[in-house]
Amino acid sequence: MNIGFIGLGLMGRPMVLNLLKAGFSVNVWARREASLAPVVEHGARALGSVAEVAAASDVVISCVADAPDVAQVALGEQGVADGARDGLVFVDMSTIAPAAARDIADKLKARGVSMLDAPVSGGEVGAIAGTLTVMVGGEQAAFDKALPALQAVGKTINLVGDSGAGQVAKACNQILTGVGVAAVAEALNFAQKSGVDPARVREALLGGFAYSRILENHGQRMLDRNFKPGFKAWMHQKDMRIVMEEAHRLGLAVPSAAITAQMFNAMVGSGMGEDDSIAMLKLLETMSGGEA
């Protein structure tokens, strides 16, 4: 099976490398030569446009920033729809609003292309290791066709429901992870400001009901002050914006998510947008009059 891939950033580049390791032929396109070089040198084939990638592929995967970017890749001039061969499946692994995913899927369907919305969780570490969690919305037949490629980049892959369902699942994921990051940062800052070693507090909490992978993994990174981005704060801000817009559309109360969204807004506004989302600890320290 020939795979096309658009979006060679922090997440996309290691996903392409894992597809190549799994034995797939991978066609790629990017605006910048510098983005192409790291995957071309490992065997990916660079083509001249997204349409050319689609024409040479059975499944095209995109991993880009937001809904307008996905729409441009899928439906823009020389996009996926312009080059698609019969039976092409377009898999978007970006995080966008469920309504946007459904709209793009409907427009692609009218042009003979099946779409799966398949956002991921696991960050850069999961992308490198090939252990991403993939949440998929779309038709069973398209899912079955794309599954071997998804298995090359992910460990836990679930068809959640119809078009848009993958993005709903990802929004739920971002509520839990965003609130979790805020809670861990708040707890460690509380311990520090109380004059107690936060490392020992974390160790004690790991043995009880407060345990979480966020406390285990991100909590240690906070203690190490390792704010190198695996998932940038501005990206989590964008994802929480999606949560809040969907909640507003549906008339839902999401109070914890709302507070967390404001914290990410403050991080970006304070110049921390390019830091990892766990740099929320620095924000809380600044708000508490301490180290940042």
C-alpha atoms as a PDB file:
ATOM      1  CA  MET A   1       0.000   0.000   0.000  1.00  0.00           C
ATOM      2  CA  ASN A   2       1.294   3.440  -0.951  1.00  0.00           C
ATOM      3  CA  ILE A   3       0.894   6.082   1.735  1.00  0.00           C
ATOM      4  CA  GLY A   4       0.901   9.835   1.206  1.00  0.00           C
ATOM      5  CA  PHE A   5       1.797  12.142   4.084  1.00  0.00           C
ATOM      6  CA  ILE A   6       1.326  15.909   4.421  1.00  0.00           C
ATOM      7  CA  GLY A   7       2.578  17.746   7.506  1.00  0.00           C
ATOM      8  CA  LEU A   8       6.187  17.000   8.432  1.00  0.00           C
ATOM      9  CA  GLY A   9       6.357  18.779  11.764  1.00  0.00           C
ATOM     10  CA  LEU A  10       7.032  17.661  15.328  1.00  0.00           C
ATOM     11  CA  MET A  11       4.518  14.811  15.049  1.00  0.00           C
ATOM     12  CA  GLY A  12       4.421  14.115  11.326  1.00  0.00           C
ATOM     13  CA  ARG A  13       8.121  13.534  10.755  1.00  0.00           C
ATOM     14  CA  PRO A  14       8.466  10.604  13.197  1.00  0.00           C
ATOM     15  CA  MET A  15       5.193   9.130  11.932  1.00  0.00           C
ATOM     16  CA  VAL A  16       6.593   9.068   8.392  1.00  0.00           C
ATOM     17  CA  LEU A  17       9.755   7.379   9.652  1.00  0.00           C
ATOM     18  CA  ASN A  18       7.673   4.702  11.381  1.00  0.00           C
ATOM     19  CA  LEU A  19       5.664   4.111   8.206  1.00  0.00           C
ATOM     20  CA  LEU A  20       8.912   3.633   6.307  1.00  0.00           C
ATOM     21  CA  LYS A  21      10.217   1.246   8.971  1.00  0.00           C
ATOM     22  CA  ALA A  22       6.998  -0.769   8.605  1.00  0.00           C
ATOM     23  CA  GLY A  23       7.749  -1.212   4.903  1.00  0.00           C
ATOM     24  CA  PHE A  24       5.292   1.225   3.358  1.00  0.00           C
ATOM     25  CA  SER A  25       6.161   3.331   0.334  1.00  0.00           C
ATOM     26  CA  VAL A  26       5.615   6.906   1.498  1.00  0.00           C
ATOM     27  CA  ASN A  27       5.015   9.919  -0.766  1.00  0.00           C
ATOM     28  CA  VAL A  28       5.450  13.357   0.797  1.00  0.00           C
ATOM     29  CA  TRP A  29       5.092  17.025  -0.016  1.00  0.00           C
ATOM     30  CA  ALA A  30       6.035  20.134   1.947  1.00  0.00           C
ATOM     31  CA  ARG A  31       6.483  23.800   1.200  1.00  0.00           C
ATOM     32  CA  ARG A  32      10.017  23.839   2.607  1.00  0.00           C
ATOM     33  CA  GLU A  33      12.890  21.680   1.418  1.00  0.00           C
ATOM     34  CA  ALA A  34      14.214  21.581   4.977  1.00  0.00           C
ATOM     35  CA  SER A  35      11.071  19.745   6.091  1.00  0.00           C
ATOM     36  CA  LEU A  36      11.433  17.136   3.363  1.00  0.00           C
ATOM     37  CA  ALA A  37      15.119  16.318   3.830  1.00  0.00           C
ATOM     38  CA  PRO A  38      14.925  14.302   7.084  1.00  0.00           C
ATOM     39  CA  VAL A  39      12.344  11.871   5.645  1.00  0.00           C
ATOM     40  CA  VAL A  40      13.600  11.755   2.049  1.00  0.00           C
ATOM     41  CA  GLU A  41      16.998  10.607   3.274  1.00  0.00           C
ATOM     42  CA  HIS A  42      15.254   7.648   4.902  1.00  0.00           C
ATOM     43  CA  GLY A  43      13.414   6.624   1.746  1.00  0.00           C
ATOM     44  CA  ALA A  44      10.326   8.830   1.414  1.00  0.00           C
ATOM     45  CA  ARG A  45       9.597  10.118  -2.093  1.00  0.00           C
ATOM     46  CA  ALA A  46       9.072  13.867  -2.458  1.00  0.00           C
ATOM     47  CA  LEU A  47       6.483  14.943  -5.040  1.00  0.00           C
ATOM     48  CA  GLY A  48       5.557  18.313  -6.474  1.00  0.00           C
ATOM     49  CA  SER A  49       2.131  18.913  -4.933  1.00  0.00           C
ATOM     50  CA  VAL A  50      -0.496  17.470  -2.624  1.00  0.00           C
ATOM     51  CA  ALA A  51      -2.459  16.400  -5.719  1.00  0.00           C
ATOM     52  CA  GLU A  52       0.546  14.444  -6.972  1.00  0.00           C
ATOM     53  CA  VAL A  53       0.844  12.748  -3.597  1.00  0.00           C
ATOM     54  CA  ALA A  54      -2.842  11.788  -3.745  1.00  0.00           C
ATOM     55  CA  ALA A  55      -2.510  10.442  -7.293  1.00  0.00           C
ATOM     56  CA  ALA A  56       0.346   8.174  -6.206  1.00  0.00           C
ATOM     57  CA  SER A  57      -1.215   6.928  -2.956  1.00  0.00           C
ATOM     58  CA  ASP A  58      -3.915   4.610  -1.641  1.00  0.00           C
ATOM     59  CA  VAL A  59      -4.168   6.429   1.687  1.00  0.00           C
ATOM     60  CA  VAL A  60      -3.173  10.054   2.309  1.00  0.00           C
ATOM     61  CA  ILE A  61      -2.498  11.176   5.879  1.00  0.00           C
ATOM     62  CA  SER A  62      -2.334  14.787   7.026  1.00  0.00           C
ATOM     63  CA  CYS A  63      -1.085  16.151  10.330  1.00  0.00           C
ATOM     64  CA  VAL A  64      -1.305  19.950  10.256  1.00  0.00           C
ATOM     65  CA  ALA A  65      -2.163  22.795  12.612  1.00  0.00           C
ATOM     66  CA  ASP A  66      -5.885  23.589  12.369  1.00  0.00           C
ATOM     67  CA  ALA A  67      -9.072  23.281  10.322  1.00  0.00           C
ATOM     68  CA  PRO A  68      -8.177  25.849   7.601  1.00  0.00           C
ATOM     69  CA  ASP A  69      -4.946  23.940   6.962  1.00  0.00           C
ATOM     70  CA  VAL A  70      -6.812  20.626   6.707  1.00  0.00           C
ATOM     71  CA  ALA A  71      -9.346  22.174   4.314  1.00  0.00           C
ATOM     72  CA  GLN A  72      -6.532  23.530   2.157  1.00  0.00           C
ATOM     73  CA  VAL A  73      -4.795  20.154   2.001  1.00  0.00           C
ATOM     74  CA  ALA A  74      -8.020  18.293   1.273  1.00  0.00           C
ATOM     75  CA  LEU A  75      -9.963  20.679  -0.919  1.00  0.00           C
ATOM     76  CA  GLY A  76      -7.629  23.481  -2.025  1.00  0.00           C
ATOM     77  CA  GLU A  77      -6.140  23.951  -5.454  1.00  0.00           C
ATOM     78  CA  GLN A  78      -3.880  20.985  -6.225  1.00  0.00           C
ATOM     79  CA  GLY A  79      -5.130  19.363  -3.030  1.00  0.00           C
ATOM     80  CA  VAL A  80      -6.123  15.783  -2.246  1.00  0.00           C
ATOM     81  CA  ALA A  81      -9.458  15.935  -4.041  1.00  0.00           C
ATOM     82  CA  ASP A  82      -7.824  17.198  -7.243  1.00  0.00           C
ATOM     83  CA  GLY A  83      -5.463  14.243  -7.477  1.00  0.00           C
ATOM     84  CA  ALA A  84      -7.408  11.444  -5.800  1.00  0.00           C
ATOM     85  CA  ARG A  85      -7.565   8.051  -7.465  1.00  0.00           C
ATOM     86  CA  ASP A  86     -10.658   5.834  -7.068  1.00  0.00           C
ATOM     87  CA  GLY A  87     -11.025   4.481  -3.539  1.00  0.00           C
ATOM     88  CA  LEU A  88      -8.619   6.933  -1.919  1.00  0.00           C
ATOM     89  CA  VAL A  89      -8.925   7.289   1.854  1.00  0.00           C
ATOM     90  CA  PHE A  90      -7.908  10.614   3.399  1.00  0.00           C
ATOM     91  CA  VAL A  91      -6.911  10.355   7.071  1.00  0.00           C
ATOM     92  CA  ASP A  92      -6.592  13.599   8.971  1.00  0.00           C
ATOM     93  CA  MET A  93      -4.612  13.200  12.199  1.00  0.00           C
ATOM     94  CA  SER A  94      -4.780  16.894  13.106  1.00  0.00           C
ATOM     95  CA  THR A  95      -6.891  18.163  15.994  1.00  0.00           C
ATOM     96  CA  ILE A  96      -9.755  20.280  14.672  1.00  0.00           C
ATOM     97  CA  ALA A  97     -13.373  20.980  15.593  1.00  0.00           C
ATOM     98  CA  PRO A  98     -15.757  18.047  15.066  1.00  0.00           C
ATOM     99  CA  ALA A  99     -18.055  20.223  12.929  1.00  0.00           C
ATOM    100  CA  ALA A 100     -15.121  21.173  10.679  1.00  0.00           C
ATOM    101  CA  ALA A 101     -14.151  17.516  10.285  1.00  0.00           C
ATOM    102  CA  ARG A 102     -17.709  16.602   9.279  1.00  0.00           C
ATOM    103  CA  ASP A 103     -17.883  19.470   6.782  1.00  0.00           C
ATOM    104  CA  ILE A 104     -14.607  18.525   5.100  1.00  0.00           C
ATOM    105  CA  ALA A 105     -15.643  14.851   5.052  1.00  0.00           C
ATOM    106  CA  ASP A 106     -18.951  15.705   3.359  1.00  0.00           C
ATOM    107  CA  LYS A 107     -17.226  17.801   0.694  1.00  0.00           C
ATOM    108  CA  LEU A 108     -14.653  15.076   0.031  1.00  0.00           C
ATOM    109  CA  LYS A 109     -17.364  12.408  -0.179  1.00  0.00           C
ATOM    110  CA  ALA A 110     -19.057  14.437  -2.910  1.00  0.00           C
ATOM    111  CA  ARG A 111     -15.778  14.187  -4.828  1.00  0.00           C
ATOM    112  CA  GLY A 112     -15.364  10.455  -4.311  1.00  0.00           C
ATOM    113  CA  VAL A 113     -12.925  10.497  -1.375  1.00  0.00           C
ATOM    114  CA  SER A 114     -13.569   8.817   1.996  1.00  0.00           C
ATOM    115  CA  MET A 115     -12.279  10.680   5.047  1.00  0.00           C
ATOM    116  CA  LEU A 116     -11.371   9.560   8.532  1.00  0.00           C
ATOM    117  CA  ASP A 117     -10.826  12.078  11.303  1.00  0.00           C
ATOM    118  CA  ALA A 118      -8.109  10.395  13.379  1.00  0.00           C
ATOM    119  CA  PRO A 119      -6.538  12.740  15.931  1.00  0.00           C
ATOM    120  CA  VAL A 120      -3.843  11.332  18.176  1.00  0.00           C
ATOM    121  CA  SER A 121      -2.640  11.490  21.761  1.00  0.00           C
ATOM    122  CA  GLY A 122       0.848  10.723  23.013  1.00  0.00           C
ATOM    123  CA  GLY A 123       2.869  13.734  21.927  1.00  0.00           C
ATOM    124  CA  GLU A 124       6.239  13.675  20.227  1.00  0.00           C
ATOM    125  CA  VAL A 125       7.428  10.810  22.450  1.00  0.00           C
ATOM    126  CA  GLY A 126       4.538   8.628  21.289  1.00  0.00           C
ATOM    127  CA  ALA A 127       5.052   9.638  17.672  1.00  0.00           C
ATOM    128  CA  ILE A 128       8.718   8.631  17.824  1.00  0.00           C
ATOM    129  CA  ALA A 129       7.974   5.336  19.589  1.00  0.00           C
ATOM    130  CA  GLY A 130       5.001   4.491  17.372  1.00  0.00           C
ATOM    131  CA  THR A 131       2.748   4.170  20.423  1.00  0.00           C
ATOM    132  CA  LEU A 132       0.209   6.913  19.743  1.00  0.00           C
ATOM    133  CA  THR A 133      -3.416   6.576  20.743  1.00  0.00           C
ATOM    134  CA  VAL A 134      -5.538   7.128  17.625  1.00  0.00           C
ATOM    135  CA  MET A 135      -9.207   8.113  17.933  1.00  0.00           C
ATOM    136  CA  VAL A 136     -11.050   7.621  14.655  1.00  0.00           C
ATOM    137  CA  GLY A 137     -14.321   8.819  13.198  1.00  0.00           C
ATOM    138  CA  GLY A 138     -15.669   7.646   9.849  1.00  0.00           C
ATOM    139  CA  GLU A 139     -16.922   4.631   7.936  1.00  0.00           C
ATOM    140  CA  GLN A 140     -15.863   1.077   8.746  1.00  0.00           C
ATOM    141  CA  ALA A 141     -14.650   0.304   5.207  1.00  0.00           C
ATOM    142  CA  ALA A 142     -12.338   3.319   5.155  1.00  0.00           C
ATOM    143  CA  PHE A 143     -11.089   2.447   8.641  1.00  0.00           C
ATOM    144  CA  ASP A 144     -10.327  -1.132   7.580  1.00  0.00           C
ATOM    145  CA  LYS A 145      -8.343   0.087   4.576  1.00  0.00           C
ATOM    146  CA  ALA A 146      -6.303   2.610   6.566  1.00  0.00           C
ATOM    147  CA  LEU A 147      -5.786   0.405   9.647  1.00  0.00           C
ATOM    148  CA  PRO A 148      -2.431  -1.140   8.624  1.00  0.00           C
ATOM    149  CA  ALA A 149      -0.954   2.348   8.233  1.00  0.00           C
ATOM    150  CA  LEU A 150      -2.444   3.486  11.541  1.00  0.00           C
ATOM    151  CA  GLN A 151      -0.957   0.438  13.252  1.00  0.00           C
ATOM    152  CA  ALA A 152       2.495   1.548  12.076  1.00  0.00           C
ATOM    153  CA  VAL A 153       2.198   4.819  14.008  1.00  0.00           C
ATOM    154  CA  GLY A 154      -0.082   3.928  16.912  1.00  0.00           C
ATOM    155  CA  LYS A 155      -0.575   1.335  19.619  1.00  0.00           C
ATOM    156  CA  THR A 156      -4.188   1.940  20.634  1.00  0.00           C
ATOM    157  CA  ILE A 157      -6.497   2.529  17.671  1.00  0.00           C
ATOM    158  CA  ASN A 158     -10.264   2.779  18.035  1.00  0.00           C
ATOM    159  CA  LEU A 159     -13.051   3.542  15.586  1.00  0.00           C
ATOM    160  CA  VAL A 160     -15.182   5.660  17.918  1.00  0.00           C
ATOM    161  CA  GLY A 161     -18.108   6.381  15.615  1.00  0.00           C
ATOM    162  CA  ASP A 162     -19.189   8.251  12.512  1.00  0.00           C
ATOM    163  CA  SER A 163     -17.441  11.251  10.980  1.00  0.00           C
ATOM    164  CA  GLY A 164     -16.430  13.758  13.677  1.00  0.00           C
ATOM    165  CA  ALA A 165     -16.450  11.198  16.492  1.00  0.00           C
ATOM    166  CA  GLY A 166     -12.671  10.994  16.547  1.00  0.00           C
ATOM    167  CA  GLN A 167     -12.469  14.727  17.115  1.00  0.00           C
ATOM    168  CA  VAL A 168     -15.059  14.524  19.918  1.00  0.00           C
ATOM    169  CA  ALA A 169     -12.922  11.860  21.596  1.00  0.00           C
ATOM    170  CA  LYS A 170      -9.822  14.037  21.182  1.00  0.00           C
ATOM    171  CA  ALA A 171     -11.631  17.012  22.731  1.00  0.00           C
ATOM    172  CA  CYS A 172     -12.461  14.800  25.725  1.00  0.00           C
ATOM    173  CA  ASN A 173      -8.805  13.747  25.852  1.00  0.00           C
ATOM    174  CA  GLN A 174      -7.675  17.365  25.892  1.00  0.00           C
ATOM    175  CA  ILE A 175     -10.057  18.206  28.728  1.00  0.00           C
ATOM    176  CA  LEU A 176      -8.579  15.403  30.821  1.00  0.00           C
ATOM    177  CA  THR A 177      -4.947  16.067  29.934  1.00  0.00           C
ATOM    178  CA  GLY A 178      -5.248  19.855  30.165  1.00  0.00           C
ATOM    179  CA  VAL A 179      -6.971  19.790  33.539  1.00  0.00           C
ATOM    180  CA  GLY A 180      -4.504  17.098  34.636  1.00  0.00           C
ATOM    181  CA  VAL A 181      -1.470  19.194  33.738  1.00  0.00           C
ATOM    182  CA  ALA A 182      -2.973  22.166  35.576  1.00  0.00           C
ATOM    183  CA  ALA A 183      -3.708  20.028  38.641  1.00  0.00           C
ATOM    184  CA  VAL A 184      -0.217  18.517  38.810  1.00  0.00           C
ATOM    185  CA  ALA A 185       1.443  21.911  38.334  1.00  0.00           C
ATOM    186  CA  GLU A 186      -0.792  23.400  41.022  1.00  0.00           C
ATOM    187  CA  ALA A 187      -0.044  20.585  43.481  1.00  0.00           C
ATOM    188  CA  LEU A 188       3.735  20.740  42.979  1.00  0.00           C
ATOM    189  CA  ASN A 189       3.738  24.522  43.289  1.00  0.00           C
ATOM    190  CA  PHE A 190       1.620  24.216  46.458  1.00  0.00           C
ATOM    191  CA  ALA A 191       4.136  21.779  47.964  1.00  0.00           C
ATOM    192  CA  GLN A 192       7.097  24.007  47.069  1.00  0.00           C
ATOM    193  CA  LYS A 193       5.487  27.142  48.485  1.00  0.00           C
ATOM    194  CA  SER A 194       4.620  25.196  51.668  1.00  0.00           C
ATOM    195  CA  GLY A 195       8.290  24.433  52.237  1.00  0.00           C
ATOM    196  CA  VAL A 196       7.982  20.717  51.438  1.00  0.00           C
ATOM    197  CA  ASP A 197      10.074  18.912  48.838  1.00  0.00           C
ATOM    198  CA  PRO A 198       7.748  18.533  45.815  1.00  0.00           C
ATOM    199  CA  ALA A 199       9.708  15.477  44.640  1.00  0.00           C
ATOM    200  CA  ARG A 200       8.871  13.641  47.855  1.00  0.00           C
ATOM    201  CA  VAL A 201       5.272  14.781  47.667  1.00  0.00           C
ATOM    202  CA  ARG A 202       5.019  13.416  44.131  1.00  0.00           C
ATOM    203  CA  GLU A 203       6.560  10.113  45.221  1.00  0.00           C
ATOM    204  CA  ALA A 204       4.007   9.793  48.015  1.00  0.00           C
ATOM    205  CA  LEU A 205       1.083  10.626  45.725  1.00  0.00           C
ATOM    206  CA  LEU A 206       2.100   8.063  43.111  1.00  0.00           C
ATOM    207  CA  GLY A 207       1.147   5.289  45.519  1.00  0.00           C
ATOM    208  CA  GLY A 208      -2.455   6.377  46.044  1.00  0.00           C
ATOM    209  CA  PHE A 209      -5.624   7.348  44.193  1.00  0.00           C
ATOM    210  CA  ALA A 210      -3.925  10.550  43.012  1.00  0.00           C
ATOM    211  CA  TYR A 211      -1.750   8.471  40.678  1.00  0.00           C
ATOM    212  CA  SER A 212      -1.931   9.389  37.007  1.00  0.00           C
ATOM    213  CA  ARG A 213       0.394   9.119  34.036  1.00  0.00           C
ATOM    214  CA  ILE A 214       0.480  12.908  34.030  1.00  0.00           C
ATOM    215  CA  LEU A 215       1.721  12.940  37.623  1.00  0.00           C
ATOM    216  CA  GLU A 216       4.225  10.189  36.840  1.00  0.00           C
ATOM    217  CA  ASN A 217       5.612  11.450  33.529  1.00  0.00           C
ATOM    218  CA  HIS A 218       4.886  15.165  33.347  1.00  0.00           C
ATOM    219  CA  GLY A 219       5.292  15.596  37.095  1.00  0.00           C
ATOM    220  CA  GLN A 220       8.875  14.350  36.834  1.00  0.00           C
ATOM    221  CA  ARG A 221       9.521  16.645  33.884  1.00  0.00           C
ATOM    222  CA  MET A 222       8.215  19.577  35.932  1.00  0.00           C
ATOM    223  CA  LEU A 223      10.587  18.661  38.756  1.00  0.00           C
ATOM    224  CA  ASP A 224      13.431  18.425  36.238  1.00  0.00           C
ATOM    225  CA  ARG A 225      12.281  21.758  34.757  1.00  0.00           C
ATOM    226  CA  ASN A 226      12.331  20.120  31.347  1.00  0.00           C
ATOM    227  CA  PHE A 227      10.031  22.382  29.372  1.00  0.00           C
ATOM    228  CA  LYS A 228      11.336  21.332  25.959  1.00  0.00           C
ATOM    229  CA  PRO A 229       8.199  21.000  23.852  1.00  0.00           C
ATOM    230  CA  GLY A 230       6.727  17.616  23.145  1.00  0.00           C
ATOM    231  CA  PHE A 231       3.366  19.344  22.925  1.00  0.00           C
ATOM    232  CA  LYS A 232       3.525  23.130  22.761  1.00  0.00           C
ATOM    233  CA  ALA A 233       1.363  25.287  24.992  1.00  0.00           C
ATOM    234  CA  TRP A 234      -0.135  27.180  22.040  1.00  0.00           C
ATOM    235  CA  MET A 235      -1.325  23.877  20.609  1.00  0.00           C
ATOM    236  CA  HIS A 236      -3.065  22.933  23.843  1.00  0.00           C
ATOM    237  CA  GLN A 237      -4.542  26.444  23.906  1.00  0.00           C
ATOM    238  CA  LYS A 238      -5.950  25.833  20.428  1.00  0.00           C
ATOM    239  CA  ASP A 239      -7.385  22.478  21.470  1.00  0.00           C
ATOM    240  CA  MET A 240      -9.052  23.972  24.540  1.00  0.00           C
ATOM    241  CA  ARG A 241     -10.527  26.666  22.311  1.00  0.00           C
ATOM    242  CA  ILE A 242     -12.158  23.869  20.307  1.00  0.00           C
ATOM    243  CA  VAL A 243     -13.540  22.413  23.542  1.00  0.00           C
ATOM    244  CA  MET A 244     -14.974  25.762  24.622  1.00  0.00           C
ATOM    245  CA  GLU A 245     -16.493  26.528  21.210  1.00  0.00           C
ATOM    246  CA  GLU A 246     -18.151  23.102  21.057  1.00  0.00           C
ATOM    247  CA  ALA A 247     -19.409  23.476  24.622  1.00  0.00           C
ATOM    248  CA  HIS A 248     -20.853  26.882  23.737  1.00  0.00           C
ATOM    249  CA  ARG A 249     -22.527  25.450  20.632  1.00  0.00           C
ATOM    250  CA  LEU A 250     -24.043  22.595  22.641  1.00  0.00           C
ATOM    251  CA  GLY A 251     -24.914  24.667  25.714  1.00  0.00           C
ATOM    252  CA  LEU A 252     -22.718  22.583  28.022  1.00  0.00           C
ATOM    253  CA  ALA A 253     -21.131  23.503  31.337  1.00  0.00           C
ATOM    254  CA  VAL A 254     -17.412  22.665  31.313  1.00  0.00           C
ATOM    255  CA  PRO A 255     -16.102  24.672  34.276  1.00  0.00           C
ATOM    256  CA  SER A 256     -12.792  22.855  34.782  1.00  0.00           C
ATOM    257  CA  ALA A 257     -12.028  23.051  31.079  1.00  0.00           C
ATOM    258  CA  ALA A 258     -12.906  26.759  31.052  1.00  0.00           C
ATOM    259  CA  ILE A 259     -10.446  27.573  33.831  1.00  0.00           C
ATOM    260  CA  THR A 260      -7.745  25.480  32.177  1.00  0.00           C
ATOM    261  CA  ALA A 261      -8.346  27.203  28.849  1.00  0.00           C
ATOM    262  CA  GLN A 262      -7.771  30.544  30.553  1.00  0.00           C
ATOM    263  CA  MET A 263      -4.515  29.258  32.024  1.00  0.00           C
ATOM    264  CA  PHE A 264      -3.276  28.279  28.573  1.00  0.00           C
ATOM    265  CA  ASN A 265      -4.349  31.707  27.300  1.00  0.00           C
ATOM    266  CA  ALA A 266      -2.222  33.260  30.039  1.00  0.00           C
ATOM    267  CA  MET A 267       0.747  31.059  29.139  1.00  0.00           C
ATOM    268  CA  VAL A 268       0.650  32.150  25.522  1.00  0.00           C
ATOM    269  CA  GLY A 269       0.106  35.769  26.524  1.00  0.00           C
ATOM    270  CA  SER A 270       3.114  35.551  28.848  1.00  0.00           C
ATOM    271  CA  GLY A 271       5.432  34.377  26.088  1.00  0.00           C
ATOM    272  CA  MET A 272       5.344  30.668  26.975  1.00  0.00           C
ATOM    273  CA  GLY A 273       3.472  29.509  23.895  1.00  0.00           C
ATOM    274  CA  GLU A 274       6.484  27.691  22.443  1.00  0.00           C
ATOM    275  CA  ASP A 275       7.203  25.901  25.724  1.00  0.00           C
ATOM    276  CA  ASP A 276       5.688  22.527  26.509  1.00  0.00           C
ATOM    277  CA  SER A 277       2.231  22.715  28.048  1.00  0.00           C
ATOM    278  CA  ILE A 278       3.751  21.546  31.357  1.00  0.00           C
ATOM    279  CA  ALA A 279       5.367  24.990  31.621  1.00  0.00           C
ATOM    280  CA  MET A 280       2.079  25.867  33.299  1.00  0.00           C
ATOM    281  CA  LEU A 281       4.166  25.288  36.432  1.00  0.00           C
ATOM    282  CA  LYS A 282       6.193  28.402  35.508  1.00  0.00           C
ATOM    283  CA  LEU A 283       2.989  30.402  35.097  1.00  0.00           C
ATOM    284  CA  LEU A 284       1.747  29.350  38.541  1.00  0.00           C
ATOM    285  CA  GLU A 285       5.131  30.152  40.066  1.00  0.00           C
ATOM    286  CA  THR A 286       5.000  33.642  38.564  1.00  0.00           C
ATOM    287  CA  MET A 287       1.447  34.161  39.812  1.00  0.00           C
ATOM    288  CA  SER A 288       2.642  33.064  43.257  1.00  0.00           C
ATOM    289  CA  GLY A 289       5.597  35.442  43.273  1.00  0.00           C
ATOM    290  CA  GLY A 290       8.256  32.784  42.802  1.00  0.00           C
ATOM    291  CA  GLU A 291      10.605  31.222  40.250  1.00  0.00           C
ATOM    292  CA  ALA A 292       9.623  31.238  36.598  1.00  0.00           C
END
